[in-house]
């Protein structure tokens, strides 16, 4: 498995990515349409687009990505066409394209670059366009050593085209867009692993890469997957709640539950386990979404304690969706504790 050396599947149901500069991030595999559906539904519910918030929240991830890419070496060169010619920029983008493709984000290419003026990127087979735009903006701002870039993006057929230019606009909400520190953990989950690369056998059976197109396939569901940084998800949701109000988590909970319930109802998860909930929990662990330290099942209810969910609200919604599929009844949740690294709740029908 080509990317085994970059992904460390932990026994607590998380995945830690360690690149060649030892920059750690916790990552998850999500269905390509999952976040797009959540953000689209949220925009419809509140009656306004959340694109600008998503892009702004993703910038810090872009800057963290930049710190680990070969293109960081361009920063020490004067920002003019002599020291930063277009052909060099094109070569550097070509150099990092396979790594971007390995995350399932599509295939990136350079349309135009003029140092100190603009950058135009084209991404084939893009997914979660707002996140790609935010990452690109963060990387560009780091390269050009400026506070904020002017951003223009659009779809040209199936291609995402991102144009970034210099701007004097101040940074917005930087103090809120911090990234959590990653602390790899161990748990009681025991995954059967490949003896040579250490990848869980379930993951090896589940995921396949089409690097030339920048696409990750899920062999079990037939759907596309994408690798998302946990820090990005939480920074985005913090910003949404700060900008739009405290009701945002409950709105997202409902949308996530509906999305997951429809997919669980339509697709049999071909994984081991005594029942649907067991298979669902294992599926989420293999994706790096976390795994409970404790569950208690009763007729029509499940109590969960989890310290490592990629996002407490969205993880709980996935549990609720599974319970509703099992019982055929609507559920409600009672939170005992909801903190970033500690969730305790009971879901009942």
C-alpha atoms as a PDB file:
ATOM      1  CA  UNK A   1       0.000   0.000   0.000  1.00  0.00           C
ATOM      2  CA  UNK A   2       1.822   3.099  -1.309  1.00  0.00           C
ATOM      3  CA  UNK A   3       0.628   5.506   1.393  1.00  0.00           C
ATOM      4  CA  UNK A   4       1.121   3.161   4.345  1.00  0.00           C
ATOM      5  CA  UNK A   5       4.282   4.967   5.405  1.00  0.00           C
ATOM      6  CA  UNK A   6       2.365   8.254   5.695  1.00  0.00           C
ATOM      7  CA  UNK A   7      -0.733   6.936   7.534  1.00  0.00           C
ATOM      8  CA  UNK A   8      -0.483   5.458  11.016  1.00  0.00           C
ATOM      9  CA  UNK A   9      -3.666   3.585  11.973  1.00  0.00           C
ATOM     10  CA  UNK A  10      -3.840   3.716  15.785  1.00  0.00           C
ATOM     11  CA  UNK A  11      -5.564   1.220  18.083  1.00  0.00           C
ATOM     12  CA  UNK A  12      -7.872   3.978  19.352  1.00  0.00           C
ATOM     13  CA  UNK A  13      -9.643   4.289  15.998  1.00  0.00           C
ATOM     14  CA  UNK A  14      -7.693   7.311  14.765  1.00  0.00           C
ATOM     15  CA  UNK A  15      -5.226   7.820  11.932  1.00  0.00           C
ATOM     16  CA  UNK A  16      -2.179  10.051  12.306  1.00  0.00           C
ATOM     17  CA  UNK A  17      -0.431  11.331   9.210  1.00  0.00           C
ATOM     18  CA  UNK A  18       3.324  11.877   9.485  1.00  0.00           C
ATOM     19  CA  UNK A  19       5.004  13.454   6.489  1.00  0.00           C
ATOM     20  CA  UNK A  20       8.672  13.712   5.686  1.00  0.00           C
ATOM     21  CA  UNK A  21       9.074  16.817   7.874  1.00  0.00           C
ATOM     22  CA  UNK A  22       7.407  15.064  10.847  1.00  0.00           C
ATOM     23  CA  UNK A  23       4.420  17.407  10.826  1.00  0.00           C
ATOM     24  CA  UNK A  24       1.587  15.510  12.486  1.00  0.00           C
ATOM     25  CA  UNK A  25      -2.057  15.772  11.625  1.00  0.00           C
ATOM     26  CA  UNK A  26      -4.989  13.548  12.446  1.00  0.00           C
ATOM     27  CA  UNK A  27      -6.851  12.551   9.315  1.00  0.00           C
ATOM     28  CA  UNK A  28     -10.058  10.796   8.368  1.00  0.00           C
ATOM     29  CA  UNK A  29     -11.477   9.161   5.280  1.00  0.00           C
ATOM     30  CA  UNK A  30     -14.918  10.566   4.438  1.00  0.00           C
ATOM     31  CA  UNK A  31     -17.243   9.995   1.514  1.00  0.00           C
ATOM     32  CA  UNK A  32     -16.509  12.680  -1.045  1.00  0.00           C
ATOM     33  CA  UNK A  33     -20.052  14.031  -0.982  1.00  0.00           C
ATOM     34  CA  UNK A  34     -20.451  14.028   2.801  1.00  0.00           C
ATOM     35  CA  UNK A  35     -19.038  17.433   3.723  1.00  0.00           C
ATOM     36  CA  UNK A  36     -20.359  18.955   0.501  1.00  0.00           C
ATOM     37  CA  UNK A  37     -23.845  17.747   1.418  1.00  0.00           C
ATOM     38  CA  UNK A  38     -23.554  19.026   5.000  1.00  0.00           C
ATOM     39  CA  UNK A  39     -22.413  22.495   3.948  1.00  0.00           C
ATOM     40  CA  UNK A  40     -24.988  22.720   1.145  1.00  0.00           C
ATOM     41  CA  UNK A  41     -27.799  21.688   3.487  1.00  0.00           C
ATOM     42  CA  UNK A  42     -26.578  24.157   6.111  1.00  0.00           C
ATOM     43  CA  UNK A  43     -26.563  26.992   3.564  1.00  0.00           C
ATOM     44  CA  UNK A  44     -30.121  26.096   2.553  1.00  0.00           C
ATOM     45  CA  UNK A  45     -31.285  25.910   6.173  1.00  0.00           C
ATOM     46  CA  UNK A  46     -29.892  29.302   7.235  1.00  0.00           C
ATOM     47  CA  UNK A  47     -30.583  30.993   3.904  1.00  0.00           C
ATOM     48  CA  UNK A  48     -27.034  32.116   3.112  1.00  0.00           C
ATOM     49  CA  UNK A  49     -23.882  30.655   1.592  1.00  0.00           C
ATOM     50  CA  UNK A  50     -21.205  29.540   4.034  1.00  0.00           C
ATOM     51  CA  UNK A  51     -18.505  29.319   1.347  1.00  0.00           C
ATOM     52  CA  UNK A  52     -16.505  32.331   2.549  1.00  0.00           C
ATOM     53  CA  UNK A  53     -16.432  30.980   6.118  1.00  0.00           C
ATOM     54  CA  UNK A  54     -15.280  27.559   4.931  1.00  0.00           C
ATOM     55  CA  UNK A  55     -12.508  29.041   2.809  1.00  0.00           C
ATOM     56  CA  UNK A  56     -11.285  31.311   5.592  1.00  0.00           C
ATOM     57  CA  UNK A  57     -11.307  28.480   8.126  1.00  0.00           C
ATOM     58  CA  UNK A  58      -9.289  26.224   5.814  1.00  0.00           C
ATOM     59  CA  UNK A  59      -6.483  28.721   5.252  1.00  0.00           C
ATOM     60  CA  UNK A  60      -4.545  27.689   8.351  1.00  0.00           C
ATOM     61  CA  UNK A  61      -4.537  24.091   7.162  1.00  0.00           C
ATOM     62  CA  UNK A  62      -3.134  25.334   3.852  1.00  0.00           C
ATOM     63  CA  UNK A  63      -0.353  27.118   5.701  1.00  0.00           C
ATOM     64  CA  UNK A  64       0.413  23.978   7.721  1.00  0.00           C
ATOM     65  CA  UNK A  65       0.485  21.935   4.506  1.00  0.00           C
ATOM     66  CA  UNK A  66       2.844  24.487   2.938  1.00  0.00           C
ATOM     67  CA  UNK A  67       5.334  24.067   5.789  1.00  0.00           C
ATOM     68  CA  UNK A  68       5.799  20.407   4.795  1.00  0.00           C
ATOM     69  CA  UNK A  69       5.909  20.741   0.987  1.00  0.00           C
ATOM     70  CA  UNK A  70       8.968  21.161  -1.267  1.00  0.00           C
ATOM     71  CA  UNK A  71       7.580  24.500  -2.501  1.00  0.00           C
ATOM     72  CA  UNK A  72       8.387  26.029   0.907  1.00  0.00           C
ATOM     73  CA  UNK A  73      11.946  26.511  -0.348  1.00  0.00           C
ATOM     74  CA  UNK A  74      10.766  29.151  -2.823  1.00  0.00           C
ATOM     75  CA  UNK A  75       9.953  31.496   0.062  1.00  0.00           C
ATOM     76  CA  UNK A  76      13.560  32.603   0.492  1.00  0.00           C
ATOM     77  CA  UNK A  77      13.769  33.867  -3.098  1.00  0.00           C
ATOM     78  CA  UNK A  78      12.863  37.453  -4.052  1.00  0.00           C
ATOM     79  CA  UNK A  79       9.288  37.739  -5.365  1.00  0.00           C
ATOM     80  CA  UNK A  80      10.078  38.600  -8.983  1.00  0.00           C
ATOM     81  CA  UNK A  81      10.054  36.779 -12.305  1.00  0.00           C
ATOM     82  CA  UNK A  82      13.836  36.464 -12.440  1.00  0.00           C
ATOM     83  CA  UNK A  83      14.177  34.488  -9.200  1.00  0.00           C
ATOM     84  CA  UNK A  84      10.731  32.840  -9.399  1.00  0.00           C
ATOM     85  CA  UNK A  85      10.148  32.069 -13.089  1.00  0.00           C
ATOM     86  CA  UNK A  86       6.917  30.447 -14.209  1.00  0.00           C
ATOM     87  CA  UNK A  87       8.632  27.226 -15.294  1.00  0.00           C
ATOM     88  CA  UNK A  88      10.014  26.722 -11.782  1.00  0.00           C
ATOM     89  CA  UNK A  89       6.571  27.227 -10.254  1.00  0.00           C
ATOM     90  CA  UNK A  90       5.112  24.775 -12.769  1.00  0.00           C
ATOM     91  CA  UNK A  91       7.749  22.198 -11.857  1.00  0.00           C
ATOM     92  CA  UNK A  92       7.074  22.587  -8.116  1.00  0.00           C
ATOM     93  CA  UNK A  93       3.320  22.156  -8.617  1.00  0.00           C
ATOM     94  CA  UNK A  94       4.013  19.079 -10.743  1.00  0.00           C
ATOM     95  CA  UNK A  95       6.244  17.775  -7.956  1.00  0.00           C
ATOM     96  CA  UNK A  96       3.541  17.975  -5.270  1.00  0.00           C
ATOM     97  CA  UNK A  97       0.641  16.871  -7.505  1.00  0.00           C
ATOM     98  CA  UNK A  98       0.966  13.138  -6.612  1.00  0.00           C
ATOM     99  CA  UNK A  99       0.823  13.919  -2.872  1.00  0.00           C
ATOM    100  CA  UNK A 100      -2.314  16.033  -3.337  1.00  0.00           C
ATOM    101  CA  UNK A 101      -3.787  13.286  -5.520  1.00  0.00           C
ATOM    102  CA  UNK A 102      -3.009  10.743  -2.816  1.00  0.00           C
ATOM    103  CA  UNK A 103      -5.435  12.542  -0.511  1.00  0.00           C
ATOM    104  CA  UNK A 104      -8.213  12.082  -3.064  1.00  0.00           C
ATOM    105  CA  UNK A 105      -8.463  15.816  -3.799  1.00  0.00           C
ATOM    106  CA  UNK A 106      -8.117  15.528  -7.578  1.00  0.00           C
ATOM    107  CA  UNK A 107      -5.185  16.332  -9.853  1.00  0.00           C
ATOM    108  CA  UNK A 108      -3.657  19.801  -9.533  1.00  0.00           C
ATOM    109  CA  UNK A 109      -1.915  21.763 -12.275  1.00  0.00           C
ATOM    110  CA  UNK A 110      -0.625  25.300 -12.791  1.00  0.00           C
ATOM    111  CA  UNK A 111      -2.307  27.546 -15.361  1.00  0.00           C
ATOM    112  CA  UNK A 112      -0.374  30.744 -14.612  1.00  0.00           C
ATOM    113  CA  UNK A 113       1.995  32.276 -12.063  1.00  0.00           C
ATOM    114  CA  UNK A 114       3.686  35.656 -11.847  1.00  0.00           C
ATOM    115  CA  UNK A 115       5.691  36.282  -8.699  1.00  0.00           C
ATOM    116  CA  UNK A 116       4.338  39.181  -6.697  1.00  0.00           C
ATOM    117  CA  UNK A 117       1.148  39.334  -8.793  1.00  0.00           C
ATOM    118  CA  UNK A 118      -1.011  36.221  -9.184  1.00  0.00           C
ATOM    119  CA  UNK A 119      -1.369  32.424  -9.187  1.00  0.00           C
ATOM    120  CA  UNK A 120      -3.913  30.410 -11.178  1.00  0.00           C
ATOM    121  CA  UNK A 121      -4.424  26.714 -10.380  1.00  0.00           C
ATOM    122  CA  UNK A 122      -6.573  24.153 -12.157  1.00  0.00           C
ATOM    123  CA  UNK A 123      -7.767  21.026 -10.338  1.00  0.00           C
ATOM    124  CA  UNK A 124      -9.231  18.078 -12.237  1.00  0.00           C
ATOM    125  CA  UNK A 125     -11.773  15.886 -10.424  1.00  0.00           C
ATOM    126  CA  UNK A 126     -12.023  18.251  -7.416  1.00  0.00           C
ATOM    127  CA  UNK A 127     -13.941  17.461  -4.256  1.00  0.00           C
ATOM    128  CA  UNK A 128     -15.104  19.822  -1.473  1.00  0.00           C
ATOM    129  CA  UNK A 129     -14.072  22.807  -3.572  1.00  0.00           C
ATOM    130  CA  UNK A 130     -14.231  25.325  -0.718  1.00  0.00           C
ATOM    131  CA  UNK A 131     -11.615  23.369   1.230  1.00  0.00           C
ATOM    132  CA  UNK A 132      -9.332  23.154  -1.813  1.00  0.00           C
ATOM    133  CA  UNK A 133      -9.690  26.906  -2.360  1.00  0.00           C
ATOM    134  CA  UNK A 134      -8.881  27.627   1.299  1.00  0.00           C
ATOM    135  CA  UNK A 135      -5.828  25.377   1.261  1.00  0.00           C
ATOM    136  CA  UNK A 136      -4.552  26.963  -1.957  1.00  0.00           C
ATOM    137  CA  UNK A 137      -5.057  30.471  -0.512  1.00  0.00           C
ATOM    138  CA  UNK A 138      -3.163  29.577   2.664  1.00  0.00           C
ATOM    139  CA  UNK A 139      -0.249  28.145   0.674  1.00  0.00           C
ATOM    140  CA  UNK A 140      -0.171  31.159  -1.668  1.00  0.00           C
ATOM    141  CA  UNK A 141      -0.202  33.652   1.216  1.00  0.00           C
ATOM    142  CA  UNK A 142       2.712  31.784   2.790  1.00  0.00           C
ATOM    143  CA  UNK A 143       4.737  31.754  -0.439  1.00  0.00           C
ATOM    144  CA  UNK A 144       4.110  35.434  -1.149  1.00  0.00           C
ATOM    145  CA  UNK A 145       4.493  36.426   2.526  1.00  0.00           C
ATOM    146  CA  UNK A 146       1.302  38.473   2.683  1.00  0.00           C
ATOM    147  CA  UNK A 147      -1.551  38.772   5.136  1.00  0.00           C
ATOM    148  CA  UNK A 148      -4.427  37.946   2.831  1.00  0.00           C
ATOM    149  CA  UNK A 149      -4.973  37.080  -0.841  1.00  0.00           C
ATOM    150  CA  UNK A 150      -7.853  38.107  -3.073  1.00  0.00           C
ATOM    151  CA  UNK A 151      -9.645  34.901  -4.075  1.00  0.00           C
ATOM    152  CA  UNK A 152     -11.654  34.126  -7.191  1.00  0.00           C
ATOM    153  CA  UNK A 153     -12.771  30.583  -7.970  1.00  0.00           C
ATOM    154  CA  UNK A 154     -15.145  28.964 -10.395  1.00  0.00           C
ATOM    155  CA  UNK A 155     -15.966  25.696 -12.113  1.00  0.00           C
ATOM    156  CA  UNK A 156     -14.993  25.381 -15.774  1.00  0.00           C
ATOM    157  CA  UNK A 157     -16.852  22.262 -16.805  1.00  0.00           C
ATOM    158  CA  UNK A 158     -15.680  19.669 -14.285  1.00  0.00           C
ATOM    159  CA  UNK A 159     -12.432  21.550 -13.465  1.00  0.00           C
ATOM    160  CA  UNK A 160     -11.980  23.835 -10.462  1.00  0.00           C
ATOM    161  CA  UNK A 161     -10.054  27.005 -11.375  1.00  0.00           C
ATOM    162  CA  UNK A 162      -8.627  29.093  -8.526  1.00  0.00           C
ATOM    163  CA  UNK A 163      -7.196  32.581  -9.156  1.00  0.00           C
ATOM    164  CA  UNK A 164      -5.283  34.201  -6.284  1.00  0.00           C
ATOM    165  CA  UNK A 165      -3.920  37.752  -6.391  1.00  0.00           C
ATOM    166  CA  UNK A 166      -2.224  40.116  -3.978  1.00  0.00           C
ATOM    167  CA  UNK A 167      -4.449  42.032  -1.579  1.00  0.00           C
ATOM    168  CA  UNK A 168      -4.065  44.398   1.351  1.00  0.00           C
ATOM    169  CA  UNK A 169      -7.182  43.038   3.056  1.00  0.00           C
ATOM    170  CA  UNK A 170      -6.480  42.123   6.715  1.00  0.00           C
ATOM    171  CA  UNK A 171      -6.777  38.546   7.991  1.00  0.00           C
ATOM    172  CA  UNK A 172     -10.199  37.689   9.430  1.00  0.00           C
ATOM    173  CA  UNK A 173     -10.814  35.663  12.579  1.00  0.00           C
ATOM    174  CA  UNK A 174      -7.248  34.398  12.874  1.00  0.00           C
ATOM    175  CA  UNK A 175      -7.481  33.986  16.630  1.00  0.00           C
ATOM    176  CA  UNK A 176     -10.363  31.515  16.242  1.00  0.00           C
ATOM    177  CA  UNK A 177      -8.794  29.468  13.479  1.00  0.00           C
ATOM    178  CA  UNK A 178      -6.221  27.677  15.602  1.00  0.00           C
ATOM    179  CA  UNK A 179      -5.400  24.023  14.990  1.00  0.00           C
ATOM    180  CA  UNK A 180      -5.572  21.552  17.863  1.00  0.00           C
ATOM    181  CA  UNK A 181      -2.391  19.807  18.932  1.00  0.00           C
ATOM    182  CA  UNK A 182      -2.311  16.187  17.828  1.00  0.00           C
ATOM    183  CA  UNK A 183      -1.609  13.673  20.571  1.00  0.00           C
ATOM    184  CA  UNK A 184      -1.548  10.131  19.142  1.00  0.00           C
ATOM    185  CA  UNK A 185      -3.325   7.732  21.473  1.00  0.00           C
ATOM    186  CA  UNK A 186      -3.631   4.031  22.064  1.00  0.00           C
ATOM    187  CA  UNK A 187      -6.799   2.107  22.733  1.00  0.00           C
ATOM    188  CA  UNK A 188      -8.316  -1.302  23.156  1.00  0.00           C
ATOM    189  CA  UNK A 189      -9.205  -1.746  19.491  1.00  0.00           C
ATOM    190  CA  UNK A 190      -7.267  -4.595  17.924  1.00  0.00           C
ATOM    191  CA  UNK A 191      -7.055  -4.498  14.142  1.00  0.00           C
ATOM    192  CA  UNK A 192      -5.749  -7.347  12.002  1.00  0.00           C
ATOM    193  CA  UNK A 193      -2.849  -5.813  10.127  1.00  0.00           C
ATOM    194  CA  UNK A 194      -0.656  -6.535   7.133  1.00  0.00           C
ATOM    195  CA  UNK A 195       2.586  -7.971   8.566  1.00  0.00           C
ATOM    196  CA  UNK A 196       4.756  -6.008   6.111  1.00  0.00           C
ATOM    197  CA  UNK A 197       3.240  -2.501   6.119  1.00  0.00           C
ATOM    198  CA  UNK A 198       1.089  -2.483   9.260  1.00  0.00           C
ATOM    199  CA  UNK A 199      -2.064  -1.297   7.492  1.00  0.00           C
ATOM    200  CA  UNK A 200      -5.303  -2.816   8.833  1.00  0.00           C
ATOM    201  CA  UNK A 201      -6.529  -5.495   6.466  1.00  0.00           C
ATOM    202  CA  UNK A 202      -9.993  -3.910   6.465  1.00  0.00           C
ATOM    203  CA  UNK A 203      -8.485  -0.649   5.181  1.00  0.00           C
ATOM    204  CA  UNK A 204      -6.457  -2.474   2.531  1.00  0.00           C
ATOM    205  CA  UNK A 205      -9.649  -4.146   1.294  1.00  0.00           C
ATOM    206  CA  UNK A 206     -11.645  -0.945   1.487  1.00  0.00           C
ATOM    207  CA  UNK A 207      -9.535   1.742  -0.223  1.00  0.00           C
ATOM    208  CA  UNK A 208      -7.882   1.913  -3.630  1.00  0.00           C
ATOM    209  CA  UNK A 209      -6.076   4.834  -5.261  1.00  0.00           C
ATOM    210  CA  UNK A 210      -6.278   6.193  -8.802  1.00  0.00           C
ATOM    211  CA  UNK A 211      -3.372   8.638  -8.561  1.00  0.00           C
ATOM    212  CA  UNK A 212      -3.505   9.825 -12.186  1.00  0.00           C
ATOM    213  CA  UNK A 213      -6.974  11.251 -11.499  1.00  0.00           C
ATOM    214  CA  UNK A 214      -6.556  12.075  -7.818  1.00  0.00           C
ATOM    215  CA  UNK A 215      -9.376   9.768  -6.740  1.00  0.00           C
ATOM    216  CA  UNK A 216      -9.709   7.318  -3.831  1.00  0.00           C
ATOM    217  CA  UNK A 217     -12.288   4.571  -4.357  1.00  0.00           C
ATOM    218  CA  UNK A 218     -14.118   2.600  -1.696  1.00  0.00           C
ATOM    219  CA  UNK A 219     -14.311  -0.938  -3.032  1.00  0.00           C
ATOM    220  CA  UNK A 220     -17.084  -1.902  -0.604  1.00  0.00           C
ATOM    221  CA  UNK A 221     -19.510   0.919  -1.371  1.00  0.00           C
ATOM    222  CA  UNK A 222     -18.385   1.923  -4.862  1.00  0.00           C
ATOM    223  CA  UNK A 223     -18.240   5.542  -3.719  1.00  0.00           C
ATOM    224  CA  UNK A 224     -15.436   8.089  -3.803  1.00  0.00           C
ATOM    225  CA  UNK A 225     -13.513   8.928  -0.604  1.00  0.00           C
ATOM    226  CA  UNK A 226     -11.360  11.884   0.396  1.00  0.00           C
ATOM    227  CA  UNK A 227      -8.795  12.378   3.168  1.00  0.00           C
ATOM    228  CA  UNK A 228      -9.711  15.285   5.459  1.00  0.00           C
ATOM    229  CA  UNK A 229      -7.671  16.771   8.308  1.00  0.00           C
ATOM    230  CA  UNK A 230      -9.494  16.540  11.643  1.00  0.00           C
ATOM    231  CA  UNK A 231      -8.113  19.948  12.612  1.00  0.00           C
ATOM    232  CA  UNK A 232      -9.705  21.424   9.481  1.00  0.00           C
ATOM    233  CA  UNK A 233     -13.141  19.997  10.297  1.00  0.00           C
ATOM    234  CA  UNK A 234     -13.059  21.349  13.842  1.00  0.00           C
ATOM    235  CA  UNK A 235     -11.680  24.762  12.842  1.00  0.00           C
ATOM    236  CA  UNK A 236     -14.421  25.067  10.235  1.00  0.00           C
ATOM    237  CA  UNK A 237     -17.200  24.085  12.648  1.00  0.00           C
ATOM    238  CA  UNK A 238     -15.884  26.431  15.347  1.00  0.00           C
ATOM    239  CA  UNK A 239     -15.923  29.284  12.865  1.00  0.00           C
ATOM    240  CA  UNK A 240     -19.427  28.422  11.645  1.00  0.00           C
ATOM    241  CA  UNK A 241     -20.734  28.400  15.212  1.00  0.00           C
ATOM    242  CA  UNK A 242     -18.940  31.652  16.056  1.00  0.00           C
ATOM    243  CA  UNK A 243     -20.254  33.430  12.954  1.00  0.00           C
ATOM    244  CA  UNK A 244     -23.755  31.981  12.724  1.00  0.00           C
ATOM    245  CA  UNK A 245     -24.795  31.092  16.268  1.00  0.00           C
ATOM    246  CA  UNK A 246     -25.001  28.334  18.851  1.00  0.00           C
ATOM    247  CA  UNK A 247     -27.723  26.483  16.954  1.00  0.00           C
ATOM    248  CA  UNK A 248     -25.257  25.425  14.227  1.00  0.00           C
ATOM    249  CA  UNK A 249     -24.133  22.178  15.978  1.00  0.00           C
ATOM    250  CA  UNK A 250     -27.716  20.951  16.302  1.00  0.00           C
ATOM    251  CA  UNK A 251     -28.434  21.810  12.663  1.00  0.00           C
ATOM    252  CA  UNK A 252     -25.329  19.934  11.519  1.00  0.00           C
ATOM    253  CA  UNK A 253     -26.237  17.020  13.806  1.00  0.00           C
ATOM    254  CA  UNK A 254     -29.574  16.669  12.038  1.00  0.00           C
ATOM    255  CA  UNK A 255     -28.095  16.915   8.548  1.00  0.00           C
ATOM    256  CA  UNK A 256     -25.319  14.419   9.351  1.00  0.00           C
ATOM    257  CA  UNK A 257     -27.839  11.982  10.809  1.00  0.00           C
ATOM    258  CA  UNK A 258     -30.016  12.198   7.694  1.00  0.00           C
ATOM    259  CA  UNK A 259     -27.033  11.725   5.356  1.00  0.00           C
ATOM    260  CA  UNK A 260     -25.680   8.712   7.248  1.00  0.00           C
ATOM    261  CA  UNK A 261     -29.095   7.110   7.699  1.00  0.00           C
ATOM    262  CA  UNK A 262     -29.829   7.258   3.965  1.00  0.00           C
ATOM    263  CA  UNK A 263     -26.482   5.662   3.145  1.00  0.00           C
ATOM    264  CA  UNK A 264     -26.769   2.944   5.784  1.00  0.00           C
ATOM    265  CA  UNK A 265     -30.266   2.127   4.569  1.00  0.00           C
ATOM    266  CA  UNK A 266     -29.133   1.868   0.954  1.00  0.00           C
ATOM    267  CA  UNK A 267     -25.834   0.028   1.425  1.00  0.00           C
ATOM    268  CA  UNK A 268     -24.967  -3.189   3.282  1.00  0.00           C
ATOM    269  CA  UNK A 269     -21.587  -2.660   4.979  1.00  0.00           C
ATOM    270  CA  UNK A 270     -19.638  -5.796   4.154  1.00  0.00           C
ATOM    271  CA  UNK A 271     -17.566  -5.971   7.338  1.00  0.00           C
ATOM    272  CA  UNK A 272     -17.408  -8.289  10.315  1.00  0.00           C
ATOM    273  CA  UNK A 273     -19.425  -7.864  13.499  1.00  0.00           C
ATOM    274  CA  UNK A 274     -22.461  -9.199  15.289  1.00  0.00           C
ATOM    275  CA  UNK A 275     -24.874  -6.531  14.078  1.00  0.00           C
ATOM    276  CA  UNK A 276     -25.127  -3.321  12.076  1.00  0.00           C
ATOM    277  CA  UNK A 277     -23.942  -1.124  14.959  1.00  0.00           C
ATOM    278  CA  UNK A 278     -20.788  -3.201  15.481  1.00  0.00           C
ATOM    279  CA  UNK A 279     -19.997  -3.051  11.764  1.00  0.00           C
ATOM    280  CA  UNK A 280     -20.716   0.677  11.722  1.00  0.00           C
ATOM    281  CA  UNK A 281     -18.384   1.360  14.660  1.00  0.00           C
ATOM    282  CA  UNK A 282     -15.618  -0.649  13.026  1.00  0.00           C
ATOM    283  CA  UNK A 283     -16.153   1.099   9.696  1.00  0.00           C
ATOM    284  CA  UNK A 284     -15.737   4.479  11.396  1.00  0.00           C
ATOM    285  CA  UNK A 285     -12.607   3.323  13.234  1.00  0.00           C
ATOM    286  CA  UNK A 286     -10.978   2.146   9.993  1.00  0.00           C
ATOM    287  CA  UNK A 287     -11.754   5.574   8.521  1.00  0.00           C
ATOM    288  CA  UNK A 288     -10.032   7.246  11.480  1.00  0.00           C
ATOM    289  CA  UNK A 289     -13.194   8.754  12.991  1.00  0.00           C
ATOM    290  CA  UNK A 290     -12.446   7.329  16.450  1.00  0.00           C
ATOM    291  CA  UNK A 291     -13.700   4.436  18.557  1.00  0.00           C
ATOM    292  CA  UNK A 292     -15.614   4.528  21.876  1.00  0.00           C
ATOM    293  CA  UNK A 293     -13.891   3.670  25.123  1.00  0.00           C
ATOM    294  CA  UNK A 294     -17.279   2.442  26.355  1.00  0.00           C
ATOM    295  CA  UNK A 295     -20.688   1.581  24.912  1.00  0.00           C
ATOM    296  CA  UNK A 296     -23.749   0.239  26.690  1.00  0.00           C
ATOM    297  CA  UNK A 297     -26.652  -1.160  24.729  1.00  0.00           C
ATOM    298  CA  UNK A 298     -30.238  -1.502  25.911  1.00  0.00           C
ATOM    299  CA  UNK A 299     -33.427  -2.023  23.956  1.00  0.00           C
ATOM    300  CA  UNK A 300     -33.806   1.083  21.818  1.00  0.00           C
ATOM    301  CA  UNK A 301     -30.823   2.989  23.221  1.00  0.00           C
ATOM    302  CA  UNK A 302     -27.049   3.214  23.257  1.00  0.00           C
ATOM    303  CA  UNK A 303     -24.794   5.067  25.692  1.00  0.00           C
ATOM    304  CA  UNK A 304     -21.386   6.161  24.412  1.00  0.00           C
ATOM    305  CA  UNK A 305     -18.210   7.486  25.978  1.00  0.00           C
ATOM    306  CA  UNK A 306     -15.556   8.539  23.489  1.00  0.00           C
ATOM    307  CA  UNK A 307     -12.432  10.672  23.869  1.00  0.00           C
ATOM    308  CA  UNK A 308     -11.111  10.721  20.322  1.00  0.00           C
ATOM    309  CA  UNK A 309     -14.009  11.391  17.954  1.00  0.00           C
ATOM    310  CA  UNK A 310     -12.966  13.435  14.947  1.00  0.00           C
ATOM    311  CA  UNK A 311     -15.880  15.681  15.854  1.00  0.00           C
ATOM    312  CA  UNK A 312     -18.183  14.880  18.777  1.00  0.00           C
ATOM    313  CA  UNK A 313     -21.369  16.215  17.162  1.00  0.00           C
ATOM    314  CA  UNK A 314     -20.897  14.559  13.778  1.00  0.00           C
ATOM    315  CA  UNK A 315     -19.751  11.250  15.302  1.00  0.00           C
ATOM    316  CA  UNK A 316     -22.798  11.136  17.607  1.00  0.00           C
ATOM    317  CA  UNK A 317     -25.045  11.832  14.617  1.00  0.00           C
ATOM    318  CA  UNK A 318     -23.588   8.810  12.838  1.00  0.00           C
ATOM    319  CA  UNK A 319     -24.346   6.648  15.886  1.00  0.00           C
ATOM    320  CA  UNK A 320     -27.904   7.990  16.008  1.00  0.00           C
ATOM    321  CA  UNK A 321     -28.403   7.255  12.302  1.00  0.00           C
ATOM    322  CA  UNK A 322     -27.373   3.634  12.794  1.00  0.00           C
ATOM    323  CA  UNK A 323     -29.689   3.215  15.770  1.00  0.00           C
ATOM    324  CA  UNK A 324     -32.565   4.611  13.717  1.00  0.00           C
ATOM    325  CA  UNK A 325     -31.837   2.199  10.861  1.00  0.00           C
ATOM    326  CA  UNK A 326     -31.754  -0.700  13.330  1.00  0.00           C
ATOM    327  CA  UNK A 327     -34.994   0.259  15.082  1.00  0.00           C
ATOM    328  CA  UNK A 328     -36.914   2.098  12.385  1.00  0.00           C
ATOM    329  CA  UNK A 329     -37.730   4.868  14.885  1.00  0.00           C
ATOM    330  CA  UNK A 330     -36.711   8.497  15.379  1.00  0.00           C
ATOM    331  CA  UNK A 331     -34.069   9.087  18.058  1.00  0.00           C
ATOM    332  CA  UNK A 332     -33.086  11.833  20.481  1.00  0.00           C
ATOM    333  CA  UNK A 333     -29.758  12.528  22.182  1.00  0.00           C
ATOM    334  CA  UNK A 334     -29.002  13.468  25.774  1.00  0.00           C
ATOM    335  CA  UNK A 335     -25.549  14.938  26.260  1.00  0.00           C
ATOM    336  CA  UNK A 336     -23.763  14.392  29.577  1.00  0.00           C
ATOM    337  CA  UNK A 337     -20.521  15.940  28.327  1.00  0.00           C
ATOM    338  CA  UNK A 338     -19.565  17.492  24.986  1.00  0.00           C
ATOM    339  CA  UNK A 339     -15.965  18.632  24.818  1.00  0.00           C
ATOM    340  CA  UNK A 340     -13.489  18.375  21.971  1.00  0.00           C
ATOM    341  CA  UNK A 341     -11.660  15.427  23.531  1.00  0.00           C
ATOM    342  CA  UNK A 342     -14.393  13.992  25.737  1.00  0.00           C
ATOM    343  CA  UNK A 343     -17.941  13.042  24.783  1.00  0.00           C
ATOM    344  CA  UNK A 344     -20.531  11.217  26.893  1.00  0.00           C
ATOM    345  CA  UNK A 345     -24.134  10.823  25.743  1.00  0.00           C
ATOM    346  CA  UNK A 346     -27.116   8.515  25.397  1.00  0.00           C
ATOM    347  CA  UNK A 347     -29.138   8.142  22.209  1.00  0.00           C
ATOM    348  CA  UNK A 348     -32.633   6.659  22.534  1.00  0.00           C
ATOM    349  CA  UNK A 349     -35.654   6.035  20.337  1.00  0.00           C
END
